[in-house]
C-alpha cells in the first residue's frame, strides 16, 4: 500500500518473521524439547504497527506423545481454556531491544494469567464465541442471549457439550476419529508495548527481540493427565511495517525519548483471613494494578485449569488499597454486598458495584467499556464466574504515580473459602502493574529508562 500526498510517500508491507532458534522439524513443545521461541525484528527505517502483529502457528493436542502419538478426541474431557484458548501456551513474554541487548523493555511473567483476566473484562461472551473462536479457539462459555438463560444454562447439559466438543475438535480431531491435524491459530500478543497505537520506530529502538517461553502442559489444558501434551509448528510472527517517507528519512535519527506502556508481574500467597498484600515495585509511572486470585491447590494441577476463571473470589468481605501505608487512591474501604463473604453468593449475585467499577477501570475508564463478561447474566452461574480486583492510580493525567521508593498494598478481610466445598484454603495472588515507561535513546550509544 502506498500513500501519495505530493510531500511524502510511505509504503506498508507485511513481514513474516520465523523463529531464529527453530529446529529442523520446526516444532516447539514444552515437554518434547525447544520450549522457547525467539523472534527477531531487524532494525529498519520503518514503524512497527504493534497492535496489528499476530503470532501464527498450528496447534496440536495429544493425550499421549508415545509413538504413535494419540491426538485428543472430541468425546473426551480434555480441552483448552474456554476464554483464552491458544493464548494459554505462553507463560512468559519478553520484549527487548536488539541493538541494546541488555535492555529489556517489557517482561510479563504468568502471561496467560493476565490474558485470562483481560479478555473477559474487555470482551463479551459473544465476542469471544465469534471472533476469538476463529483466532484463538475460544468459545466464550457465557450466556449468549436471554432466551437461553431462561431455558438452560450454556455451560450445562447438551448445549454445553456441543459447544465444548466443537472447540476440542479444532485442536486434534474430526468427528470421533483421532487425526493428527491440529488447528491454525492467529493470536494477538497482549502486552503494554504492543497495545500502543503509535508505531514503534525500529531504527530508534535498534530492532526488537521477542522471546516466548512456553507454558507447561499442565497449565495449558483442563481435565488433562500426566501424558497430555501439545506442540506448535509453522510458527510465524506477522508484522505490519510502515516504511518512512523520504522526508522522514532525511531527518535522520537523533537522541530521542520514547514512551510506551508495560506490564510488571508479581506473585504472592494469602494464608490469613485478615491479610495485607504488600509489594515494592520500583515503578515511577504506575497507572493501574490488577489482582487475580487462584487457590494454590489448583496451580500446576492436571485436573484443574487455573485459568478457567478470571480469578476465584476468596470470600472478600472488606477491601482497602494503600500506598506507603496511607489509603490511596480511594480514601475509603469497600465492603461487599454479601457480608458473610460467601463466594457462591458473591458470584451468583451482582458483583459489588464499587469493586466492579474499579476493576474495569484498571484497563480503561469503565465508561468506555462497551463489551464485557461482567453482566448479570454471565455472573448468574458460579461455574462461569469472573472475579478479580483492580484499581486505577491515575485516570486524569495519564502519567502514572511514583512507586519507586515505597510500597503499594491491598488490605483484605476475607473467608478464604474453597469455591467448591467452602473449606478454608490458601490462595495465590497474581498481581500485574501497568506502567508508563519512557526511554531515552542515544543512537549507537545506549538506552536509558527514566520512566
Protein backbone atom coordinates (compact mmCIF):
# COMPACT_ATOMS: atom_id res chain seq x y z
CA UNK A 1 0.00 0.00 0.00
CA UNK A 2 1.35 3.41 -0.93
CA UNK A 3 0.07 6.84 0.05
CA UNK A 4 0.95 9.87 -2.07
CA UNK A 5 0.23 13.37 -0.86
CA UNK A 6 2.80 15.28 -3.00
CA UNK A 7 5.01 15.59 0.05
CA UNK A 8 5.68 12.09 1.27
CA UNK A 9 5.35 8.53 0.06
CA UNK A 10 5.01 5.71 2.55
CA UNK A 11 4.79 2.00 1.90
CA UNK A 12 3.19 -0.55 4.21
CA UNK A 13 4.41 -4.13 3.96
CA UNK A 14 3.73 -7.26 5.94
CA UNK A 15 6.83 -9.14 7.06
CA UNK A 16 6.68 -12.76 8.17
CA UNK A 17 9.26 -13.40 10.87
CA UNK A 18 10.23 -17.02 11.52
CA UNK A 19 11.89 -18.13 14.80
CA UNK A 20 15.66 -17.80 14.88
CA UNK A 21 16.01 -20.92 17.04
CA UNK A 22 13.74 -23.30 15.12
CA UNK A 23 14.81 -26.93 14.92
CA UNK A 24 14.97 -28.94 11.70
CA UNK A 25 11.37 -30.05 12.26
CA UNK A 26 10.13 -26.57 13.10
CA UNK A 27 8.23 -27.93 16.11
CA UNK A 28 8.10 -26.23 19.52
CA UNK A 29 6.91 -28.08 22.62
CA UNK A 30 7.33 -27.67 26.35
CA UNK A 31 7.79 -31.34 27.21
CA UNK A 32 9.29 -32.58 23.93
CA UNK A 33 12.12 -30.05 23.66
CA UNK A 34 12.56 -26.50 22.36
CA UNK A 35 10.23 -24.71 24.84
CA UNK A 36 11.44 -21.21 23.88
CA UNK A 37 10.54 -19.25 20.73
CA UNK A 38 12.86 -16.41 19.72
CA UNK A 39 11.79 -13.89 17.09
CA UNK A 40 13.98 -11.11 15.74
CA UNK A 41 12.64 -7.99 14.04
CA UNK A 42 15.56 -6.35 12.27
CA UNK A 43 16.46 -2.69 12.55
CA UNK A 44 14.88 -0.78 9.65
CA UNK A 45 13.67 2.65 8.60
CA UNK A 46 10.12 1.66 9.39
CA UNK A 47 7.46 1.83 12.09
CA UNK A 48 6.20 -1.44 13.51
CA UNK A 49 2.40 -1.30 13.81
CA UNK A 50 2.40 -3.36 17.00
CA UNK A 51 -1.38 -3.74 17.62
CA UNK A 52 -1.71 -5.39 14.21
CA UNK A 53 1.00 -8.01 14.85
CA UNK A 54 -0.17 -11.61 15.05
CA UNK A 55 1.63 -14.73 16.21
CA UNK A 56 0.51 -17.51 13.87
CA UNK A 57 1.03 -21.23 14.40
CA UNK A 58 -0.57 -24.64 14.13
CA UNK A 59 -1.51 -26.13 17.49
CA UNK A 60 -1.96 -29.84 18.13
CA UNK A 61 -3.06 -31.54 21.33
CA UNK A 62 -2.18 -35.11 22.28
CA UNK A 63 -3.39 -37.36 25.05
CA UNK A 64 -0.11 -39.27 24.71
CA UNK A 65 3.17 -38.45 22.95
CA UNK A 66 4.20 -42.09 22.74
CA UNK A 67 4.91 -43.49 19.28
CA UNK A 68 2.45 -43.36 17.60
CA UNK A 69 1.08 -40.12 19.03
CA UNK A 70 -2.51 -40.16 20.26
CA UNK A 71 -4.43 -36.94 19.50
CA UNK A 72 -7.08 -35.64 21.89
CA UNK A 73 -10.51 -36.98 21.00
CA UNK A 74 -13.67 -34.91 20.79
CA UNK A 75 -15.51 -37.35 23.00
CA UNK A 76 -13.13 -36.88 25.93
CA UNK A 77 -12.92 -34.22 28.62
CA UNK A 78 -9.52 -32.65 27.92
CA UNK A 79 -9.76 -29.18 26.40
CA UNK A 80 -8.18 -25.73 26.18
CA UNK A 81 -9.35 -22.85 28.32
CA UNK A 82 -12.66 -21.51 27.02
CA UNK A 83 -11.85 -17.80 27.40
CA UNK A 84 -8.26 -17.54 26.15
CA UNK A 85 -7.80 -20.68 24.08
CA UNK A 86 -4.41 -20.81 22.37
CA UNK A 87 -3.13 -17.85 24.41
CA UNK A 88 -2.64 -20.31 27.28
CA UNK A 89 0.53 -21.74 25.66
CA UNK A 90 2.52 -18.59 26.55
CA UNK A 91 3.98 -18.50 30.06
CA UNK A 92 6.41 -15.58 29.75
CA UNK A 93 6.65 -12.83 27.13
CA UNK A 94 9.86 -10.79 26.94
CA UNK A 95 10.40 -7.85 24.57
CA UNK A 96 13.82 -6.21 24.33
CA UNK A 97 15.91 -4.03 22.07
CA UNK A 98 18.06 -5.90 19.57
CA UNK A 99 20.86 -3.31 19.43
CA UNK A 100 20.89 -2.59 23.15
CA UNK A 101 20.97 -6.25 24.07
CA UNK A 102 20.91 -5.75 27.85
CA UNK A 103 17.78 -3.58 27.77
CA UNK A 104 14.52 -5.42 28.40
CA UNK A 105 11.65 -3.08 27.63
CA UNK A 106 8.92 -5.39 28.93
CA UNK A 107 8.72 -8.80 30.57
CA UNK A 108 5.41 -10.37 31.58
CA UNK A 109 5.61 -13.41 33.83
CA UNK A 110 2.44 -15.53 34.05
CA UNK A 111 1.30 -14.01 30.76
CA UNK A 112 -1.59 -16.45 30.38
CA UNK A 113 -2.98 -15.44 33.78
CA UNK A 114 -3.04 -11.79 32.70
CA UNK A 115 -4.84 -12.60 29.46
CA UNK A 116 -7.39 -14.73 31.33
CA UNK A 117 -8.46 -11.53 33.12
CA UNK A 118 -8.09 -9.03 30.25
CA UNK A 119 -10.13 -10.97 27.68
CA UNK A 120 -13.28 -11.45 29.79
CA UNK A 121 -13.06 -7.90 31.19
CA UNK A 122 -12.96 -6.23 27.77
CA UNK A 123 -14.95 -8.68 25.61
CA UNK A 124 -18.42 -10.14 25.86
CA UNK A 125 -19.07 -13.86 25.66
CA UNK A 126 -20.47 -13.27 22.17
CA UNK A 127 -17.22 -11.56 21.09
CA UNK A 128 -15.22 -14.49 22.38
CA UNK A 129 -17.53 -17.04 20.79
CA UNK A 130 -17.40 -15.37 17.36
CA UNK A 131 -14.08 -13.57 16.81
CA UNK A 132 -11.80 -15.30 19.27
CA UNK A 133 -13.04 -18.74 18.32
CA UNK A 134 -11.55 -18.22 14.86
CA UNK A 135 -8.32 -16.63 16.09
CA UNK A 136 -7.56 -18.43 19.33
CA UNK A 137 -10.03 -21.34 19.59
CA UNK A 138 -12.05 -19.71 22.39
CA UNK A 139 -15.72 -20.49 22.91
CA UNK A 140 -16.61 -17.78 25.43
CA UNK A 141 -18.59 -20.09 27.68
CA UNK A 142 -21.05 -17.39 28.62
CA UNK A 143 -24.78 -16.82 28.27
CA UNK A 144 -25.43 -15.98 24.61
CA UNK A 145 -28.91 -14.49 24.95
CA UNK A 146 -31.73 -14.06 27.48
CA UNK A 147 -33.86 -16.83 25.95
CA UNK A 148 -31.02 -19.27 26.55
CA UNK A 149 -30.73 -18.03 30.12
CA UNK A 150 -34.41 -18.76 30.70
CA UNK A 151 -34.27 -22.21 29.11
CA UNK A 152 -30.93 -23.76 30.02
CA UNK A 153 -27.50 -22.72 31.17
CA UNK A 154 -24.99 -22.61 28.32
CA UNK A 155 -22.44 -24.46 30.42
CA UNK A 156 -24.70 -27.37 31.30
CA UNK A 157 -26.34 -30.39 29.65
CA UNK A 158 -26.26 -30.97 25.89
CA UNK A 159 -25.88 -27.30 24.93
CA UNK A 160 -22.59 -27.04 26.73
CA UNK A 161 -21.37 -30.42 25.45
CA UNK A 162 -21.90 -29.47 21.83
CA UNK A 163 -20.05 -26.18 22.13
CA UNK A 164 -17.10 -27.60 24.05
CA UNK A 165 -16.82 -30.58 21.70
CA UNK A 166 -16.66 -28.13 18.81
CA UNK A 167 -13.67 -26.37 20.37
CA UNK A 168 -11.99 -29.69 21.17
CA UNK A 169 -12.30 -30.88 17.56
CA UNK A 170 -10.27 -27.91 16.39
CA UNK A 171 -7.06 -28.98 18.10
CA UNK A 172 -6.92 -32.62 17.13
CA UNK A 173 -9.92 -34.45 15.78
CA UNK A 174 -12.51 -34.79 13.05
CA UNK A 175 -15.67 -36.29 14.44
CA UNK A 176 -14.78 -39.11 16.77
CA UNK A 177 -11.79 -40.38 14.80
CA UNK A 178 -8.43 -39.17 16.06
CA UNK A 179 -6.34 -37.41 13.43
CA UNK A 180 -3.04 -35.62 13.76
CA UNK A 181 -4.25 -32.39 12.13
CA UNK A 182 -4.30 -29.54 14.63
CA UNK A 183 -5.67 -26.06 14.06
CA UNK A 184 -4.21 -22.82 12.69
CA UNK A 185 -4.18 -20.03 15.30
CA UNK A 186 -3.52 -16.31 14.96
CA UNK A 187 -3.19 -14.61 18.34
CA UNK A 188 -2.53 -11.02 19.30
CA UNK A 189 0.33 -10.58 21.74
CA UNK A 190 -1.22 -8.86 24.74
CA UNK A 191 1.37 -6.53 26.25
CA UNK A 192 1.62 -2.88 27.15
CA UNK A 193 4.14 -2.19 24.41
CA UNK A 194 2.10 -3.97 21.75
CA UNK A 195 -1.09 -2.12 22.76
CA UNK A 196 0.41 1.24 21.81
CA UNK A 197 -1.38 2.89 18.89
CA UNK A 198 1.76 4.74 17.88
CA UNK A 199 4.21 2.91 15.66
CA UNK A 200 7.43 1.57 17.15
CA UNK A 201 10.43 3.13 15.41
CA UNK A 202 12.64 0.14 14.61
CA UNK A 203 15.59 2.39 13.74
CA UNK A 204 15.34 4.23 17.04
CA UNK A 205 14.92 1.03 19.07
CA UNK A 206 17.61 -0.80 17.11
CA UNK A 207 15.22 -3.62 16.20
CA UNK A 208 13.36 -5.89 18.61
CA UNK A 209 13.94 -9.29 20.15
CA UNK A 210 10.83 -11.19 21.24
CA UNK A 211 11.24 -14.26 23.43
CA UNK A 212 8.30 -16.50 24.28
CA UNK A 213 8.64 -19.14 26.99
CA UNK A 214 6.03 -21.84 26.55
CA UNK A 215 3.76 -22.89 29.40
CA UNK A 216 3.96 -26.37 30.85
CA UNK A 217 1.42 -28.90 29.59
CA UNK A 218 -0.26 -28.96 32.98
CA UNK A 219 -1.05 -25.23 32.74
CA UNK A 220 -2.45 -25.33 29.20
CA UNK A 221 -5.21 -27.94 29.39
CA UNK A 222 -8.24 -28.59 31.55
CA UNK A 223 -9.00 -32.15 32.71
CA UNK A 224 -5.62 -33.36 31.47
CA UNK A 225 -3.47 -36.28 32.54
CA UNK A 226 0.25 -36.69 33.12
CA UNK A 227 0.67 -37.73 29.47
CA UNK A 228 -1.28 -34.85 27.90
CA UNK A 229 0.94 -32.70 25.67
CA UNK A 230 0.82 -30.10 22.93
CA UNK A 231 3.07 -28.98 20.13
CA UNK A 232 3.31 -25.91 17.90
CA UNK A 233 4.53 -25.84 14.33
CA UNK A 234 4.66 -23.40 11.39
CA UNK A 235 5.34 -20.54 13.83
CA UNK A 236 5.40 -17.10 12.20
CA UNK A 237 5.12 -13.55 13.53
CA UNK A 238 3.17 -11.47 11.03
CA UNK A 239 4.40 -7.85 11.35
CA UNK A 240 2.94 -4.83 9.51
CA UNK A 241 5.74 -2.34 8.75
CA UNK A 242 5.05 1.24 7.70
CA UNK A 243 8.21 2.47 5.99
CA UNK A 244 9.32 6.05 6.43
CA UNK A 245 8.94 8.63 3.70
CA UNK A 246 11.88 10.36 2.05
CA UNK A 247 11.26 13.45 4.17
CA UNK A 248 11.34 11.38 7.37
CA UNK A 249 14.49 9.62 6.22
CA UNK A 250 16.19 12.97 5.61
CA UNK A 251 15.61 13.97 9.22
CA UNK A 252 17.75 11.07 10.40
CA UNK A 253 17.71 9.64 13.91
CA UNK A 254 18.80 11.89 16.75
CA UNK A 255 18.84 11.30 20.51
CA UNK A 256 15.20 10.91 21.36
CA UNK A 257 12.75 9.76 24.02
CA UNK A 258 10.09 7.15 23.53
CA UNK A 259 7.13 6.40 25.82
CA UNK A 260 5.12 3.18 25.96
CA UNK A 261 3.08 1.06 28.36
CA UNK A 262 4.41 -2.09 30.00
CA UNK A 263 3.21 -4.72 32.45
CA UNK A 264 5.11 -5.90 35.52
CA UNK A 265 4.01 -9.09 37.28
CA UNK A 266 4.40 -10.41 40.83
CA UNK A 267 3.12 -13.40 42.81
CA UNK A 268 2.03 -13.59 46.46
CA UNK A 269 0.22 -16.03 48.72
CA UNK A 270 -2.65 -15.24 51.11
CA UNK A 271 -3.00 -17.60 54.08
CA UNK A 272 -4.85 -15.47 56.63
CA UNK A 273 -8.43 -14.20 56.60
CA UNK A 274 -7.02 -10.79 57.57
CA UNK A 275 -4.06 -10.18 55.29
CA UNK A 276 -2.18 -7.37 53.62
CA UNK A 277 -0.58 -7.99 50.22
CA UNK A 278 2.40 -5.64 50.03
CA UNK A 279 4.67 -5.13 47.02
CA UNK A 280 7.65 -2.88 46.39
CA UNK A 281 7.70 -2.47 42.62
CA UNK A 282 10.12 0.40 41.94
CA UNK A 283 7.96 1.95 39.20
CA UNK A 284 7.79 5.69 38.50
CA UNK A 285 4.75 5.75 36.25
CA UNK A 286 2.32 3.18 37.68
CA UNK A 287 -1.11 3.57 36.07
CA UNK A 288 -3.10 0.62 37.41
CA UNK A 289 -2.98 -2.63 39.39
CA UNK A 290 -4.78 -5.92 38.68
CA UNK A 291 -5.00 -8.85 41.11
CA UNK A 292 -6.28 -12.33 40.31
CA UNK A 293 -6.91 -14.97 42.99
CA UNK A 294 -6.41 -18.70 42.40
CA UNK A 295 -6.49 -21.48 45.03
CA UNK A 296 -2.92 -22.74 45.31
CA UNK A 297 -4.11 -26.33 45.02
CA UNK A 298 -5.39 -25.51 41.50
CA UNK A 299 -1.99 -24.28 40.28
CA UNK A 300 0.11 -26.89 38.43
CA UNK A 301 -2.78 -29.35 38.75
CA UNK A 302 -3.59 -31.59 35.77
CA UNK A 303 -7.21 -31.99 36.81
CA UNK A 304 -7.98 -28.27 37.15
CA UNK A 305 -7.41 -25.40 34.75
CA UNK A 306 -6.12 -22.50 36.84
CA UNK A 307 -7.10 -20.09 34.06
CA UNK A 308 -10.63 -21.42 33.55
CA UNK A 309 -11.94 -18.46 35.54
CA UNK A 310 -10.72 -14.88 35.52
CA UNK A 311 -9.95 -15.49 39.17
CA UNK A 312 -11.88 -17.01 42.06
CA UNK A 313 -13.49 -14.95 44.78
CA UNK A 314 -11.71 -15.83 48.06
CA UNK A 315 -14.73 -14.63 50.03
CA UNK A 316 -13.73 -10.96 50.21
CA UNK A 317 -15.71 -9.04 52.81
CA UNK A 318 -13.69 -5.84 53.04
CA UNK A 319 -11.04 -4.21 50.84
CA UNK A 320 -8.68 -1.23 51.27
CA UNK A 321 -5.89 -0.02 48.94
CA UNK A 322 -2.75 1.67 50.37
CA UNK A 323 0.33 3.47 49.13
CA UNK A 324 3.16 3.86 51.65
CA UNK A 325 0.78 2.98 54.48
CA UNK A 326 -1.86 5.57 53.55
CA UNK A 327 -5.16 4.94 51.80
CA UNK A 328 -4.75 5.53 48.07
CA UNK A 329 -6.24 6.10 45.55
CA UNK A 330 -9.51 5.59 47.45
CA UNK A 331 -9.94 7.38 50.75
CA UNK A 332 -12.28 4.70 51.99
CA UNK A 333 -12.61 0.95 52.34
CA UNK A 334 -15.01 -1.17 50.32
CA UNK A 335 -17.43 -3.66 51.88
CA UNK A 336 -19.04 -6.31 49.70
CA UNK A 337 -22.80 -6.63 49.45
CA UNK A 338 -22.53 -10.12 50.88
CA UNK A 339 -21.41 -9.54 54.43
CA UNK A 340 -20.80 -13.23 55.07
CA UNK A 341 -18.16 -13.29 52.34
CA UNK A 342 -19.66 -16.41 50.80
CA UNK A 343 -18.03 -16.89 47.37
CA UNK A 344 -21.08 -18.61 45.91
CA UNK A 345 -23.40 -15.80 46.94
CA UNK A 346 -20.99 -13.13 45.70
CA UNK A 347 -20.67 -14.72 42.25
CA UNK A 348 -24.31 -15.73 41.88
CA UNK A 349 -25.45 -12.24 42.77
CA UNK A 350 -24.27 -8.99 41.30
CA UNK A 351 -20.65 -8.14 41.87
CA UNK A 352 -20.26 -5.31 44.39
CA UNK A 353 -20.65 -2.22 42.15
CA UNK A 354 -17.69 -0.39 43.65
CA UNK A 355 -15.40 -3.37 43.09
CA UNK A 356 -16.75 -3.82 39.57
CA UNK A 357 -16.20 -0.20 38.50
CA UNK A 358 -12.67 -0.09 39.92
CA UNK A 359 -11.80 -3.45 38.37
CA UNK A 360 -12.82 -2.32 34.89
CA UNK A 361 -11.01 1.00 35.35
CA UNK A 362 -7.75 -0.89 35.77
CA UNK A 363 -7.87 -1.49 31.99
CA UNK A 364 -9.63 1.67 30.83
CA UNK A 365 -12.25 4.13 32.05
CA UNK A 366 -15.22 1.97 32.95
CA UNK A 367 -17.50 4.32 30.98
CA UNK A 368 -15.63 3.33 27.82
CA UNK A 369 -16.03 -0.43 28.37
CA UNK A 370 -18.75 -1.41 25.89
CA UNK A 371 -18.32 -5.18 25.92
CA UNK A 372 -17.52 -7.39 28.90
CA UNK A 373 -18.21 -10.74 30.54
CA UNK A 374 -19.27 -8.65 33.54
CA UNK A 375 -23.04 -8.83 33.07
CA UNK A 376 -25.80 -10.00 35.36
CA UNK A 377 -26.46 -12.94 33.02
CA UNK A 378 -22.86 -14.17 32.96
CA UNK A 379 -22.40 -13.75 36.70
CA UNK A 380 -25.57 -15.76 37.35
CA UNK A 381 -23.75 -19.07 37.16
CA UNK A 382 -20.84 -19.65 39.51
CA UNK A 383 -19.15 -22.09 37.11
CA UNK A 384 -18.66 -19.19 34.69
CA UNK A 385 -17.63 -16.73 37.39
CA UNK A 386 -15.29 -13.85 36.61
CA UNK A 387 -13.63 -12.25 39.61
CA UNK A 388 -10.55 -10.10 40.05
CA UNK A 389 -9.58 -6.89 41.83
CA UNK A 390 -8.32 -3.84 40.03
CA UNK A 391 -7.68 -0.17 40.65
CA UNK A 392 -6.60 2.79 38.54
CA UNK A 393 -3.96 5.03 40.11
CA UNK A 394 -4.27 7.87 37.59
CA UNK A 395 -7.19 8.49 35.24
CA UNK A 396 -6.57 12.22 34.87
CA UNK A 397 -3.03 12.95 33.66
CA UNK A 398 -2.23 9.54 32.23
CA UNK A 399 1.35 9.86 33.53
CA UNK A 400 1.01 7.46 36.45
CA UNK A 401 2.21 7.75 40.05
CA UNK A 402 5.65 7.32 41.56
CA UNK A 403 6.07 3.98 43.35
CA UNK A 404 9.86 3.89 43.06
CA UNK A 405 10.59 4.50 46.73
CA UNK A 406 7.64 3.00 48.56
CA UNK A 407 5.11 0.21 48.67
CA UNK A 408 1.62 -0.45 47.40
CA UNK A 409 -0.67 -2.70 49.44
CA UNK A 410 -4.05 -4.37 49.34
CA UNK A 411 -5.65 -4.98 52.74
CA UNK A 412 -8.15 -7.83 52.68
CA UNK A 413 -10.66 -9.25 55.09
CA UNK A 414 -11.92 -12.49 53.62
CA UNK A 415 -13.01 -16.01 54.44
CA UNK A 416 -10.58 -17.80 52.06
CA UNK A 417 -13.28 -20.32 51.25
CA UNK A 418 -12.86 -23.09 48.73
CA UNK A 419 -15.21 -22.34 45.78
CA UNK A 420 -16.33 -26.00 45.83
CA UNK A 421 -16.81 -27.07 49.44
CA UNK A 422 -16.31 -23.73 51.32
CA UNK A 423 -13.44 -25.08 53.44
CA UNK A 424 -10.62 -22.70 54.35
CA UNK A 425 -7.74 -22.86 51.84
CA UNK A 426 -4.70 -20.86 50.69
CA UNK A 427 -4.95 -18.54 47.68
CA UNK A 428 -2.23 -17.48 45.28
CA UNK A 429 -2.40 -13.88 44.08
CA UNK A 430 -1.16 -12.84 40.62
CA UNK A 431 -0.55 -9.08 40.64
CA UNK A 432 0.04 -7.06 37.47
CA UNK A 433 1.07 -3.40 37.36
CA UNK A 434 0.53 -1.32 34.23
CA UNK A 435 3.33 1.23 33.97
CA UNK A 436 4.14 4.10 31.64
CA UNK A 437 7.82 3.88 30.75
CA UNK A 438 9.93 6.48 28.96
CA UNK A 439 13.19 5.51 27.27
CA UNK A 440 15.89 8.00 26.34
CA UNK A 441 17.76 6.58 23.37
CA UNK A 442 21.11 7.80 22.08
CA UNK A 443 21.84 6.13 18.70
CA UNK A 444 25.00 4.00 18.67
CA UNK A 445 25.42 4.67 22.35
CA UNK A 446 22.94 3.30 24.88
CA UNK A 447 19.37 3.18 26.04
CA UNK A 448 18.25 4.54 29.41
CA UNK A 449 14.91 4.15 31.17
CA UNK A 450 13.70 7.21 33.02
CA UNK A 451 10.05 6.12 33.45
